[in-house]
Amino acid sequence: MNIHYGVVGTGPVGRVFAGLLRQAGHRVTVLCHRPQTEQILKRRPVVVKGELKAYAQLDEVLLGAAEFVRAQPDVVLICTKSVDTEHLLTTLREHHPRPETLYVSCQNGIDTERVVAEVFGADHALRIVLNMGCDISCGNEVVVTFCTTHVMSKPASVDGDAVERIASDLRESGLPLTVSANWRNDSFMKALLNASLGSLCAVTRHCMNCVMDQPEARAVVEDMLREGIAICAAEGIELRPDFLAYAMHYLDQGGEHRPSILVDVEKAKVTENEFHCAELARLARRHGVPAPTIDLIDKLLRCTENF
């Protein structure tokens, strides 16, 4: 069976998925919300450069949720910001999508798939933990600066054969990906990386290497990681034994990259903090784990969003 993929969100992640899958020969229907983006996607092929490669003209680019649902995709890849997920999915539900459709959260943060489950049920909710950095360089061109193996969830509530078919399609399209029943461990690991350095970049308005090269800022990043490790232990999340050393080395490779949460702050947008520091702070309170640095950064980001 050739799966028909829907892609919601036309930022760099959405374009990477759409370009790779269309290049591999799949039917891909894209939902975007800006007329100018629709015109760009219709007139020019998606070009993916760097660590991933794709060149594909998208044939089905739609503006309306009703039209997108009528196209009847088998699998919907959610590539919007995690803070937009609930509104997006409830809007799609209003137009009565096929009951067999599966929804895959391709978003950063802790338990983003839980929002999908709340709207469409746990038997329709999947998650891909992303491990790549990408940005739109100009027009319809996306540059992938780094890409390691992504992790796709394999929950007991979703048909395992369907999960494997989706995973196989993504791998054959060129995306390095593994399937895991313990994906939540990977999602927390990625969230700790994002919540520590990314959040501090947003608070200080500096890129990754600027923060990591400043001794006091670097110490804050390490404090947040230590608190996050304690929260994970209380939550029953298994991290690699050398996670702290691994994380600091990983974050040292960030270079001049400006994480998306920093870009959102600069553009006065709502950030994905709710699924990063805010969620870690909530878990810390629930488990009685001291996390003063994470709690402070969460409050600072909330202040930033509310000014």
C-alpha atoms as a PDB file:
ATOM      1  CA  MET A   1       0.000   0.000   0.000  1.00  0.00           C
ATOM      2  CA  ASN A   2       1.342   3.422  -0.984  1.00  0.00           C
ATOM      3  CA  ILE A   3       0.615   5.714   1.951  1.00  0.00           C
ATOM      4  CA  HIS A   4      -0.848   9.154   1.246  1.00  0.00           C
ATOM      5  CA  TYR A   5       0.864  11.631   3.563  1.00  0.00           C
ATOM      6  CA  GLY A   6      -0.520  14.921   4.773  1.00  0.00           C
ATOM      7  CA  VAL A   7       1.919  17.515   6.085  1.00  0.00           C
ATOM      8  CA  VAL A   8       0.626  20.311   8.306  1.00  0.00           C
ATOM      9  CA  GLY A   9       3.044  23.198   8.771  1.00  0.00           C
ATOM     10  CA  THR A  10       5.318  24.661   6.132  1.00  0.00           C
ATOM     11  CA  GLY A  11       8.297  25.734   8.200  1.00  0.00           C
ATOM     12  CA  PRO A  12      11.655  24.058   7.619  1.00  0.00           C
ATOM     13  CA  VAL A  13      10.643  20.735   9.237  1.00  0.00           C
ATOM     14  CA  GLY A  14       7.423  20.484   7.237  1.00  0.00           C
ATOM     15  CA  ARG A  15       9.242  21.230   3.996  1.00  0.00           C
ATOM     16  CA  VAL A  16      11.912  18.635   4.740  1.00  0.00           C
ATOM     17  CA  PHE A  17       9.302  15.909   5.305  1.00  0.00           C
ATOM     18  CA  ALA A  18       7.210  16.968   2.312  1.00  0.00           C
ATOM     19  CA  GLY A  19      10.221  17.215   0.005  1.00  0.00           C
ATOM     20  CA  LEU A  20      11.709  13.858   1.000  1.00  0.00           C
ATOM     21  CA  LEU A  21       8.421  11.958   0.765  1.00  0.00           C
ATOM     22  CA  ARG A  22       7.365  13.544  -2.535  1.00  0.00           C
ATOM     23  CA  GLN A  23      10.784  12.878  -4.047  1.00  0.00           C
ATOM     24  CA  ALA A  24      10.376   9.228  -2.994  1.00  0.00           C
ATOM     25  CA  GLY A  25       7.155   9.025  -5.010  1.00  0.00           C
ATOM     26  CA  HIS A  26       4.505   9.375  -2.324  1.00  0.00           C
ATOM     27  CA  ARG A  27       1.374  11.429  -2.670  1.00  0.00           C
ATOM     28  CA  VAL A  28       1.846  14.408  -0.352  1.00  0.00           C
ATOM     29  CA  THR A  29      -0.832  16.942   0.551  1.00  0.00           C
ATOM     30  CA  VAL A  30       0.387  20.047   2.375  1.00  0.00           C
ATOM     31  CA  LEU A  31      -1.698  22.380   4.513  1.00  0.00           C
ATOM     32  CA  CYS A  32      -0.386  25.905   5.022  1.00  0.00           C
ATOM     33  CA  HIS A  33      -2.086  29.004   6.421  1.00  0.00           C
ATOM     34  CA  ARG A  34      -0.520  31.868   4.474  1.00  0.00           C
ATOM     35  CA  PRO A  35      -1.484  32.621   0.852  1.00  0.00           C
ATOM     36  CA  GLN A  36       2.048  33.799   0.056  1.00  0.00           C
ATOM     37  CA  THR A  37       3.485  30.505   1.295  1.00  0.00           C
ATOM     38  CA  GLU A  38       0.949  28.605  -0.791  1.00  0.00           C
ATOM     39  CA  GLN A  39       2.088  30.467  -3.909  1.00  0.00           C
ATOM     40  CA  ILE A  40       5.769  29.837  -3.222  1.00  0.00           C
ATOM     41  CA  LEU A  41       5.191  26.118  -2.672  1.00  0.00           C
ATOM     42  CA  LYS A  42       3.078  25.821  -5.828  1.00  0.00           C
ATOM     43  CA  ARG A  43       5.451  27.745  -8.080  1.00  0.00           C
ATOM     44  CA  ARG A  44       8.816  26.389  -6.974  1.00  0.00           C
ATOM     45  CA  PRO A  45      10.097  22.949  -6.037  1.00  0.00           C
ATOM     46  CA  VAL A  46      11.152  22.282  -2.459  1.00  0.00           C
ATOM     47  CA  VAL A  47      14.940  22.099  -2.275  1.00  0.00           C
ATOM     48  CA  VAL A  48      16.570  20.434   0.735  1.00  0.00           C
ATOM     49  CA  LYS A  49      20.337  20.827   1.054  1.00  0.00           C
ATOM     50  CA  GLY A  50      23.019  19.938   3.561  1.00  0.00           C
ATOM     51  CA  GLU A  51      22.805  16.726   5.583  1.00  0.00           C
ATOM     52  CA  LEU A  52      19.591  15.711   3.762  1.00  0.00           C
ATOM     53  CA  LYS A  53      18.851  16.087   0.046  1.00  0.00           C
ATOM     54  CA  ALA A  54      15.578  16.571  -1.812  1.00  0.00           C
ATOM     55  CA  TYR A  55      14.270  18.308  -4.910  1.00  0.00           C
ATOM     56  CA  ALA A  56      10.533  17.926  -5.409  1.00  0.00           C
ATOM     57  CA  GLN A  57       7.584  19.855  -6.754  1.00  0.00           C
ATOM     58  CA  LEU A  58       4.592  19.671  -4.428  1.00  0.00           C
ATOM     59  CA  ASP A  59       1.390  19.057  -6.368  1.00  0.00           C
ATOM     60  CA  GLU A  60      -1.179  19.491  -3.599  1.00  0.00           C
ATOM     61  CA  VAL A  61      -0.791  22.630  -1.494  1.00  0.00           C
ATOM     62  CA  LEU A  62      -3.949  23.740   0.299  1.00  0.00           C
ATOM     63  CA  LEU A  63      -4.994  26.663   2.469  1.00  0.00           C
ATOM     64  CA  GLY A  64      -8.190  25.350   4.047  1.00  0.00           C
ATOM     65  CA  ALA A  65      -8.570  22.691   6.718  1.00  0.00           C
ATOM     66  CA  ALA A  66     -11.792  21.428   5.119  1.00  0.00           C
ATOM     67  CA  GLU A  67     -10.094  20.910   1.772  1.00  0.00           C
ATOM     68  CA  PHE A  68      -7.162  19.203   3.462  1.00  0.00           C
ATOM     69  CA  VAL A  69      -9.476  16.767   5.257  1.00  0.00           C
ATOM     70  CA  ARG A  70     -11.368  16.062   2.006  1.00  0.00           C
ATOM     71  CA  ALA A  71      -8.072  14.981   0.431  1.00  0.00           C
ATOM     72  CA  GLN A  72      -8.167  12.064   2.939  1.00  0.00           C
ATOM     73  CA  PRO A  73      -4.503  11.533   3.839  1.00  0.00           C
ATOM     74  CA  ASP A  74      -3.741   8.230   5.535  1.00  0.00           C
ATOM     75  CA  VAL A  75      -1.083   9.741   7.801  1.00  0.00           C
ATOM     76  CA  VAL A  76      -0.855  13.368   8.933  1.00  0.00           C
ATOM     77  CA  LEU A  77       2.592  14.645   9.930  1.00  0.00           C
ATOM     78  CA  ILE A  78       2.166  17.553  12.345  1.00  0.00           C
ATOM     79  CA  CYS A  79       5.069  19.951  11.788  1.00  0.00           C
ATOM     80  CA  THR A  80       3.670  23.081  13.410  1.00  0.00           C
ATOM     81  CA  LYS A  81       4.850  24.556  16.698  1.00  0.00           C
ATOM     82  CA  SER A  82       3.743  22.362  19.592  1.00  0.00           C
ATOM     83  CA  VAL A  83       1.782  25.249  21.125  1.00  0.00           C
ATOM     84  CA  ASP A  84      -0.482  25.273  18.033  1.00  0.00           C
ATOM     85  CA  THR A  85      -1.325  21.560  18.087  1.00  0.00           C
ATOM     86  CA  GLU A  86      -4.574  21.566  20.054  1.00  0.00           C
ATOM     87  CA  HIS A  87      -6.187  24.328  17.977  1.00  0.00           C
ATOM     88  CA  LEU A  88      -4.997  22.721  14.742  1.00  0.00           C
ATOM     89  CA  LEU A  89      -6.295  19.249  15.563  1.00  0.00           C
ATOM     90  CA  THR A  90      -9.660  20.423  16.873  1.00  0.00           C
ATOM     91  CA  THR A  91     -10.076  22.394  13.636  1.00  0.00           C
ATOM     92  CA  LEU A  92      -9.347  19.281  11.570  1.00  0.00           C
ATOM     93  CA  ARG A  93     -11.742  17.232  13.724  1.00  0.00           C
ATOM     94  CA  GLU A  94     -14.578  19.659  12.953  1.00  0.00           C
ATOM     95  CA  HIS A  95     -14.383  18.554   9.305  1.00  0.00           C
ATOM     96  CA  HIS A  96     -14.741  14.835  10.131  1.00  0.00           C
ATOM     97  CA  PRO A  97     -11.520  13.221   8.924  1.00  0.00           C
ATOM     98  CA  ARG A  98     -11.387   9.504   8.119  1.00  0.00           C
ATOM     99  CA  PRO A  99     -11.472   7.492  11.350  1.00  0.00           C
ATOM    100  CA  GLU A 100      -8.462   5.428  10.184  1.00  0.00           C
ATOM    101  CA  THR A 101      -6.134   8.413   9.864  1.00  0.00           C
ATOM    102  CA  LEU A 102      -2.994   8.391  12.012  1.00  0.00           C
ATOM    103  CA  TYR A 103      -1.445  11.592  13.354  1.00  0.00           C
ATOM    104  CA  VAL A 104       2.297  11.920  13.955  1.00  0.00           C
ATOM    105  CA  SER A 105       3.673  14.719  16.119  1.00  0.00           C
ATOM    106  CA  CYS A 106       6.949  15.810  14.487  1.00  0.00           C
ATOM    107  CA  GLN A 107       7.532  18.483  17.116  1.00  0.00           C
ATOM    108  CA  ASN A 108       9.909  19.348  19.901  1.00  0.00           C
ATOM    109  CA  GLY A 109       8.982  19.004  23.545  1.00  0.00           C
ATOM    110  CA  ILE A 110       7.806  16.593  26.212  1.00  0.00           C
ATOM    111  CA  ASP A 111       4.740  14.431  25.506  1.00  0.00           C
ATOM    112  CA  THR A 112       3.587  16.384  22.433  1.00  0.00           C
ATOM    113  CA  GLU A 113       1.853  13.190  21.263  1.00  0.00           C
ATOM    114  CA  ARG A 114      -0.393  13.401  24.329  1.00  0.00           C
ATOM    115  CA  VAL A 115      -2.223  16.362  22.732  1.00  0.00           C
ATOM    116  CA  VAL A 116      -2.917  14.213  19.651  1.00  0.00           C
ATOM    117  CA  ALA A 117      -4.247  11.412  21.855  1.00  0.00           C
ATOM    118  CA  GLU A 118      -6.554  13.819  23.674  1.00  0.00           C
ATOM    119  CA  VAL A 119      -8.167  14.906  20.397  1.00  0.00           C
ATOM    120  CA  PHE A 120      -8.171  11.735  18.280  1.00  0.00           C
ATOM    121  CA  GLY A 121      -7.444   8.942  20.767  1.00  0.00           C
ATOM    122  CA  ALA A 122      -4.290   7.109  21.798  1.00  0.00           C
ATOM    123  CA  ASP A 123      -4.778   4.561  19.000  1.00  0.00           C
ATOM    124  CA  HIS A 124      -4.252   7.356  16.443  1.00  0.00           C
ATOM    125  CA  ALA A 125      -1.299   9.157  18.066  1.00  0.00           C
ATOM    126  CA  LEU A 126       2.359   8.737  17.125  1.00  0.00           C
ATOM    127  CA  ARG A 127       5.510  10.736  17.751  1.00  0.00           C
ATOM    128  CA  ILE A 128       8.808  11.333  16.007  1.00  0.00           C
ATOM    129  CA  VAL A 129      11.590  12.691  18.212  1.00  0.00           C
ATOM    130  CA  LEU A 130      13.511  14.973  15.856  1.00  0.00           C
ATOM    131  CA  ASN A 131      17.282  15.161  15.868  1.00  0.00           C
ATOM    132  CA  MET A 132      18.138  17.732  13.233  1.00  0.00           C
ATOM    133  CA  GLY A 133      18.785  21.408  12.778  1.00  0.00           C
ATOM    134  CA  CYS A 134      17.323  23.076   9.720  1.00  0.00           C
ATOM    135  CA  ASP A 135      16.274  26.482   8.501  1.00  0.00           C
ATOM    136  CA  ILE A 136      14.816  28.107   5.405  1.00  0.00           C
ATOM    137  CA  SER A 137      17.677  29.923   3.715  1.00  0.00           C
ATOM    138  CA  CYS A 138      15.675  31.654   0.984  1.00  0.00           C
ATOM    139  CA  GLY A 139      12.479  31.101  -0.977  1.00  0.00           C
ATOM    140  CA  ASN A 140      11.761  27.391  -0.933  1.00  0.00           C
ATOM    141  CA  GLU A 141      15.228  26.177   0.044  1.00  0.00           C
ATOM    142  CA  VAL A 142      15.890  24.442   3.379  1.00  0.00           C
ATOM    143  CA  VAL A 143      19.402  23.833   4.685  1.00  0.00           C
ATOM    144  CA  VAL A 144      19.825  20.935   7.114  1.00  0.00           C
ATOM    145  CA  THR A 145      22.902  21.760   9.190  1.00  0.00           C
ATOM    146  CA  PHE A 146      22.949  18.526  11.197  1.00  0.00           C
ATOM    147  CA  CYS A 147      20.919  15.327  11.238  1.00  0.00           C
ATOM    148  CA  THR A 148      21.328  12.249  13.402  1.00  0.00           C
ATOM    149  CA  THR A 149      18.946   9.335  13.867  1.00  0.00           C
ATOM    150  CA  HIS A 150      15.336  10.268  14.620  1.00  0.00           C
ATOM    151  CA  VAL A 151      13.186   8.094  16.893  1.00  0.00           C
ATOM    152  CA  MET A 152       9.618   7.054  16.071  1.00  0.00           C
ATOM    153  CA  SER A 153       7.257   5.864  18.782  1.00  0.00           C
ATOM    154  CA  LYS A 154       5.810   2.355  18.784  1.00  0.00           C
ATOM    155  CA  PRO A 155       3.044   2.475  21.380  1.00  0.00           C
ATOM    156  CA  ALA A 156       0.991  -0.632  22.138  1.00  0.00           C
ATOM    157  CA  SER A 157      -2.173   1.345  21.331  1.00  0.00           C
ATOM    158  CA  VAL A 158      -1.299   1.773  17.621  1.00  0.00           C
ATOM    159  CA  ASP A 159      -1.143  -0.991  15.026  1.00  0.00           C
ATOM    160  CA  GLY A 160       2.495  -2.081  14.874  1.00  0.00           C
ATOM    161  CA  ASP A 161       2.425  -2.908  11.161  1.00  0.00           C
ATOM    162  CA  ALA A 162       1.242   0.606  10.363  1.00  0.00           C
ATOM    163  CA  VAL A 163       4.077   2.072  12.435  1.00  0.00           C
ATOM    164  CA  GLU A 164       6.643  -0.050  10.600  1.00  0.00           C
ATOM    165  CA  ARG A 165       5.236   0.930   7.175  1.00  0.00           C
ATOM    166  CA  ILE A 166       5.499   4.631   8.002  1.00  0.00           C
ATOM    167  CA  ALA A 167       9.001   4.167   9.387  1.00  0.00           C
ATOM    168  CA  SER A 168      10.042   2.230   6.274  1.00  0.00           C
ATOM    169  CA  ASP A 169       8.719   5.001   4.001  1.00  0.00           C
ATOM    170  CA  LEU A 170      10.641   7.658   5.914  1.00  0.00           C
ATOM    171  CA  ARG A 171      13.866   5.660   5.893  1.00  0.00           C
ATOM    172  CA  GLU A 172      13.538   4.968   2.160  1.00  0.00           C
ATOM    173  CA  SER A 173      12.993   8.685   1.578  1.00  0.00           C
ATOM    174  CA  GLY A 174      16.407   9.348   3.146  1.00  0.00           C
ATOM    175  CA  LEU A 175      15.525  10.158   6.753  1.00  0.00           C
ATOM    176  CA  PRO A 176      17.637   8.238   9.302  1.00  0.00           C
ATOM    177  CA  LEU A 177      15.090   6.815  11.720  1.00  0.00           C
ATOM    178  CA  THR A 178      14.622   4.038  14.239  1.00  0.00           C
ATOM    179  CA  VAL A 179      11.456   2.732  15.904  1.00  0.00           C
ATOM    180  CA  SER A 180      11.310   2.371  19.688  1.00  0.00           C
ATOM    181  CA  ALA A 181       8.782   1.367  22.318  1.00  0.00           C
ATOM    182  CA  ASN A 182      10.830   3.521  24.737  1.00  0.00           C
ATOM    183  CA  TRP A 183      10.620   6.716  22.700  1.00  0.00           C
ATOM    184  CA  ARG A 184       9.710   8.732  25.792  1.00  0.00           C
ATOM    185  CA  ASN A 185      13.289   8.367  27.042  1.00  0.00           C
ATOM    186  CA  ASP A 186      14.495   9.902  23.779  1.00  0.00           C
ATOM    187  CA  SER A 187      11.924  12.701  23.896  1.00  0.00           C
ATOM    188  CA  PHE A 188      13.049  13.715  27.387  1.00  0.00           C
ATOM    189  CA  MET A 189      16.705  13.587  26.394  1.00  0.00           C
ATOM    190  CA  LYS A 190      16.036  15.887  23.438  1.00  0.00           C
ATOM    191  CA  ALA A 191      13.839  18.152  25.577  1.00  0.00           C
ATOM    192  CA  LEU A 192      16.605  18.568  28.162  1.00  0.00           C
ATOM    193  CA  LEU A 193      19.015  19.622  25.424  1.00  0.00           C
ATOM    194  CA  ASN A 194      16.510  22.142  24.058  1.00  0.00           C
ATOM    195  CA  ALA A 195      15.336  23.388  27.448  1.00  0.00           C
ATOM    196  CA  SER A 196      18.833  24.072  28.750  1.00  0.00           C
ATOM    197  CA  LEU A 197      20.713  25.812  25.973  1.00  0.00           C
ATOM    198  CA  GLY A 198      17.796  26.872  23.764  1.00  0.00           C
ATOM    199  CA  SER A 199      15.917  28.522  26.611  1.00  0.00           C
ATOM    200  CA  LEU A 200      19.002  30.392  27.788  1.00  0.00           C
ATOM    201  CA  CYS A 201      19.642  31.575  24.218  1.00  0.00           C
ATOM    202  CA  ALA A 202      16.111  32.974  24.204  1.00  0.00           C
ATOM    203  CA  VAL A 203      16.554  34.727  27.557  1.00  0.00           C
ATOM    204  CA  THR A 204      19.958  36.228  26.685  1.00  0.00           C
ATOM    205  CA  ARG A 205      19.177  36.801  22.960  1.00  0.00           C
ATOM    206  CA  HIS A 206      22.428  35.128  21.920  1.00  0.00           C
ATOM    207  CA  CYS A 207      23.282  32.171  19.671  1.00  0.00           C
ATOM    208  CA  MET A 208      24.420  28.798  20.970  1.00  0.00           C
ATOM    209  CA  ASN A 209      28.186  29.218  20.936  1.00  0.00           C
ATOM    210  CA  CYS A 210      27.926  32.679  22.540  1.00  0.00           C
ATOM    211  CA  VAL A 211      26.108  31.136  25.508  1.00  0.00           C
ATOM    212  CA  MET A 212      28.368  28.092  25.769  1.00  0.00           C
ATOM    213  CA  ASP A 213      31.514  30.254  25.556  1.00  0.00           C
ATOM    214  CA  GLN A 214      30.431  32.510  28.440  1.00  0.00           C
ATOM    215  CA  PRO A 215      31.447  30.849  31.751  1.00  0.00           C
ATOM    216  CA  GLU A 216      28.478  32.016  33.840  1.00  0.00           C
ATOM    217  CA  ALA A 217      25.965  31.132  31.117  1.00  0.00           C
ATOM    218  CA  ARG A 218      27.622  27.756  30.599  1.00  0.00           C
ATOM    219  CA  ALA A 219      27.280  27.073  34.326  1.00  0.00           C
ATOM    220  CA  VAL A 220      23.558  27.842  34.129  1.00  0.00           C
ATOM    221  CA  VAL A 221      23.181  25.355  31.252  1.00  0.00           C
ATOM    222  CA  GLU A 222      24.931  22.687  33.330  1.00  0.00           C
ATOM    223  CA  ASP A 223      22.753  23.455  36.374  1.00  0.00           C
ATOM    224  CA  MET A 224      19.608  23.032  34.246  1.00  0.00           C
ATOM    225  CA  LEU A 225      20.856  19.713  32.897  1.00  0.00           C
ATOM    226  CA  ARG A 226      21.599  18.423  36.409  1.00  0.00           C
ATOM    227  CA  GLU A 227      18.121  19.412  37.570  1.00  0.00           C
ATOM    228  CA  GLY A 228      16.616  17.822  34.457  1.00  0.00           C
ATOM    229  CA  ILE A 229      18.456  14.561  35.119  1.00  0.00           C
ATOM    230  CA  ALA A 230      16.983  14.461  38.650  1.00  0.00           C
ATOM    231  CA  ILE A 231      13.495  15.132  37.258  1.00  0.00           C
ATOM    232  CA  CYS A 232      13.910  12.303  34.739  1.00  0.00           C
ATOM    233  CA  ALA A 233      14.953   9.908  37.492  1.00  0.00           C
ATOM    234  CA  ALA A 234      11.823  10.775  39.470  1.00  0.00           C
ATOM    235  CA  GLU A 235       9.664  10.375  36.358  1.00  0.00           C
ATOM    236  CA  GLY A 236      11.152   6.951  35.593  1.00  0.00           C
ATOM    237  CA  ILE A 237      12.929   8.133  32.440  1.00  0.00           C
ATOM    238  CA  GLU A 238      16.141   6.284  31.618  1.00  0.00           C
ATOM    239  CA  LEU A 239      18.981   8.442  30.300  1.00  0.00           C
ATOM    240  CA  ARG A 240      22.387   7.223  29.227  1.00  0.00           C
ATOM    241  CA  PRO A 241      24.753   7.006  32.247  1.00  0.00           C
ATOM    242  CA  ASP A 242      27.078   9.677  30.848  1.00  0.00           C
ATOM    243  CA  PHE A 243      24.251  11.995  29.841  1.00  0.00           C
ATOM    244  CA  LEU A 244      25.638  15.150  31.474  1.00  0.00           C
ATOM    245  CA  ALA A 245      29.026  14.868  29.750  1.00  0.00           C
ATOM    246  CA  TYR A 246      27.330  13.827  26.497  1.00  0.00           C
ATOM    247  CA  ALA A 247      24.912  16.759  26.656  1.00  0.00           C
ATOM    248  CA  MET A 248      27.597  19.375  27.320  1.00  0.00           C
ATOM    249  CA  HIS A 249      29.716  18.024  24.442  1.00  0.00           C
ATOM    250  CA  TYR A 250      26.642  17.958  22.171  1.00  0.00           C
ATOM    251  CA  LEU A 251      25.696  21.537  23.036  1.00  0.00           C
ATOM    252  CA  ASP A 252      29.265  22.694  22.417  1.00  0.00           C
ATOM    253  CA  GLN A 253      28.729  21.806  18.746  1.00  0.00           C
ATOM    254  CA  GLY A 254      25.880  24.298  18.298  1.00  0.00           C
ATOM    255  CA  GLY A 255      28.007  26.972  16.634  1.00  0.00           C
ATOM    256  CA  GLU A 256      26.199  30.139  15.562  1.00  0.00           C
ATOM    257  CA  HIS A 257      22.842  28.387  15.317  1.00  0.00           C
ATOM    258  CA  ARG A 258      19.922  30.450  16.642  1.00  0.00           C
ATOM    259  CA  PRO A 259      17.402  27.971  18.089  1.00  0.00           C
ATOM    260  CA  SER A 260      13.768  28.339  17.141  1.00  0.00           C
ATOM    261  CA  ILE A 261      12.750  29.490  20.626  1.00  0.00           C
ATOM    262  CA  LEU A 262      15.151  32.441  20.294  1.00  0.00           C
ATOM    263  CA  VAL A 263      13.756  33.277  16.855  1.00  0.00           C
ATOM    264  CA  ASP A 264      10.233  33.163  18.287  1.00  0.00           C
ATOM    265  CA  VAL A 265      11.174  35.566  21.097  1.00  0.00           C
ATOM    266  CA  GLU A 266      12.761  37.958  18.609  1.00  0.00           C
ATOM    267  CA  LYS A 267       9.585  37.886  16.519  1.00  0.00           C
ATOM    268  CA  ALA A 268       7.393  38.364  19.616  1.00  0.00           C
ATOM    269  CA  LYS A 269       5.743  34.972  19.089  1.00  0.00           C
ATOM    270  CA  VAL A 270       4.540  32.499  21.687  1.00  0.00           C
ATOM    271  CA  THR A 271       7.328  29.971  22.225  1.00  0.00           C
ATOM    272  CA  GLU A 272       7.320  26.213  22.834  1.00  0.00           C
ATOM    273  CA  ASN A 273       8.347  26.801  26.458  1.00  0.00           C
ATOM    274  CA  GLU A 274       5.159  25.061  27.676  1.00  0.00           C
ATOM    275  CA  PHE A 275       6.562  21.749  26.420  1.00  0.00           C
ATOM    276  CA  HIS A 276      10.100  22.381  27.677  1.00  0.00           C
ATOM    277  CA  CYS A 277      11.029  24.332  30.832  1.00  0.00           C
ATOM    278  CA  ALA A 278       7.419  24.787  31.902  1.00  0.00           C
ATOM    279  CA  GLU A 279       6.705  21.051  31.686  1.00  0.00           C
ATOM    280  CA  LEU A 280       9.960  20.205  33.473  1.00  0.00           C
ATOM    281  CA  ALA A 281       9.067  22.682  36.227  1.00  0.00           C
ATOM    282  CA  ARG A 282       5.614  21.084  36.593  1.00  0.00           C
ATOM    283  CA  LEU A 283       7.139  17.611  36.834  1.00  0.00           C
ATOM    284  CA  ALA A 284       9.660  18.858  39.418  1.00  0.00           C
ATOM    285  CA  ARG A 285       6.848  20.191  41.606  1.00  0.00           C
ATOM    286  CA  ARG A 286       4.843  16.971  41.169  1.00  0.00           C
ATOM    287  CA  HIS A 287       7.758  14.800  42.261  1.00  0.00           C
ATOM    288  CA  GLY A 288       9.145  17.185  44.892  1.00  0.00           C
ATOM    289  CA  VAL A 289      12.454  17.550  43.033  1.00  0.00           C
ATOM    290  CA  PRO A 290      14.323  20.858  43.586  1.00  0.00           C
ATOM    291  CA  ALA A 291      14.749  22.644  40.226  1.00  0.00           C
ATOM    292  CA  PRO A 292      15.342  26.339  41.011  1.00  0.00           C
ATOM    293  CA  THR A 293      17.226  27.140  37.793  1.00  0.00           C
ATOM    294  CA  ILE A 294      14.641  25.544  35.503  1.00  0.00           C
ATOM    295  CA  ASP A 295      11.865  27.262  37.449  1.00  0.00           C
ATOM    296  CA  LEU A 296      13.576  30.649  37.101  1.00  0.00           C
ATOM    297  CA  ILE A 297      14.200  30.283  33.355  1.00  0.00           C
ATOM    298  CA  ASP A 298      10.559  29.211  32.896  1.00  0.00           C
ATOM    299  CA  LYS A 299       9.388  32.354  34.701  1.00  0.00           C
ATOM    300  CA  LEU A 300      11.744  34.578  32.681  1.00  0.00           C
ATOM    301  CA  LEU A 301      10.447  33.133  29.406  1.00  0.00           C
ATOM    302  CA  ARG A 302       6.868  33.662  30.551  1.00  0.00           C
ATOM    303  CA  CYS A 303       7.718  37.268  31.340  1.00  0.00           C
ATOM    304  CA  THR A 304       9.320  37.676  27.921  1.00  0.00           C
ATOM    305  CA  GLU A 305       6.191  36.344  26.188  1.00  0.00           C
ATOM    306  CA  ASN A 306       3.883  38.599  28.181  1.00  0.00           C
ATOM    307  CA  PHE A 307       5.694  41.914  27.651  1.00  0.00           C
END
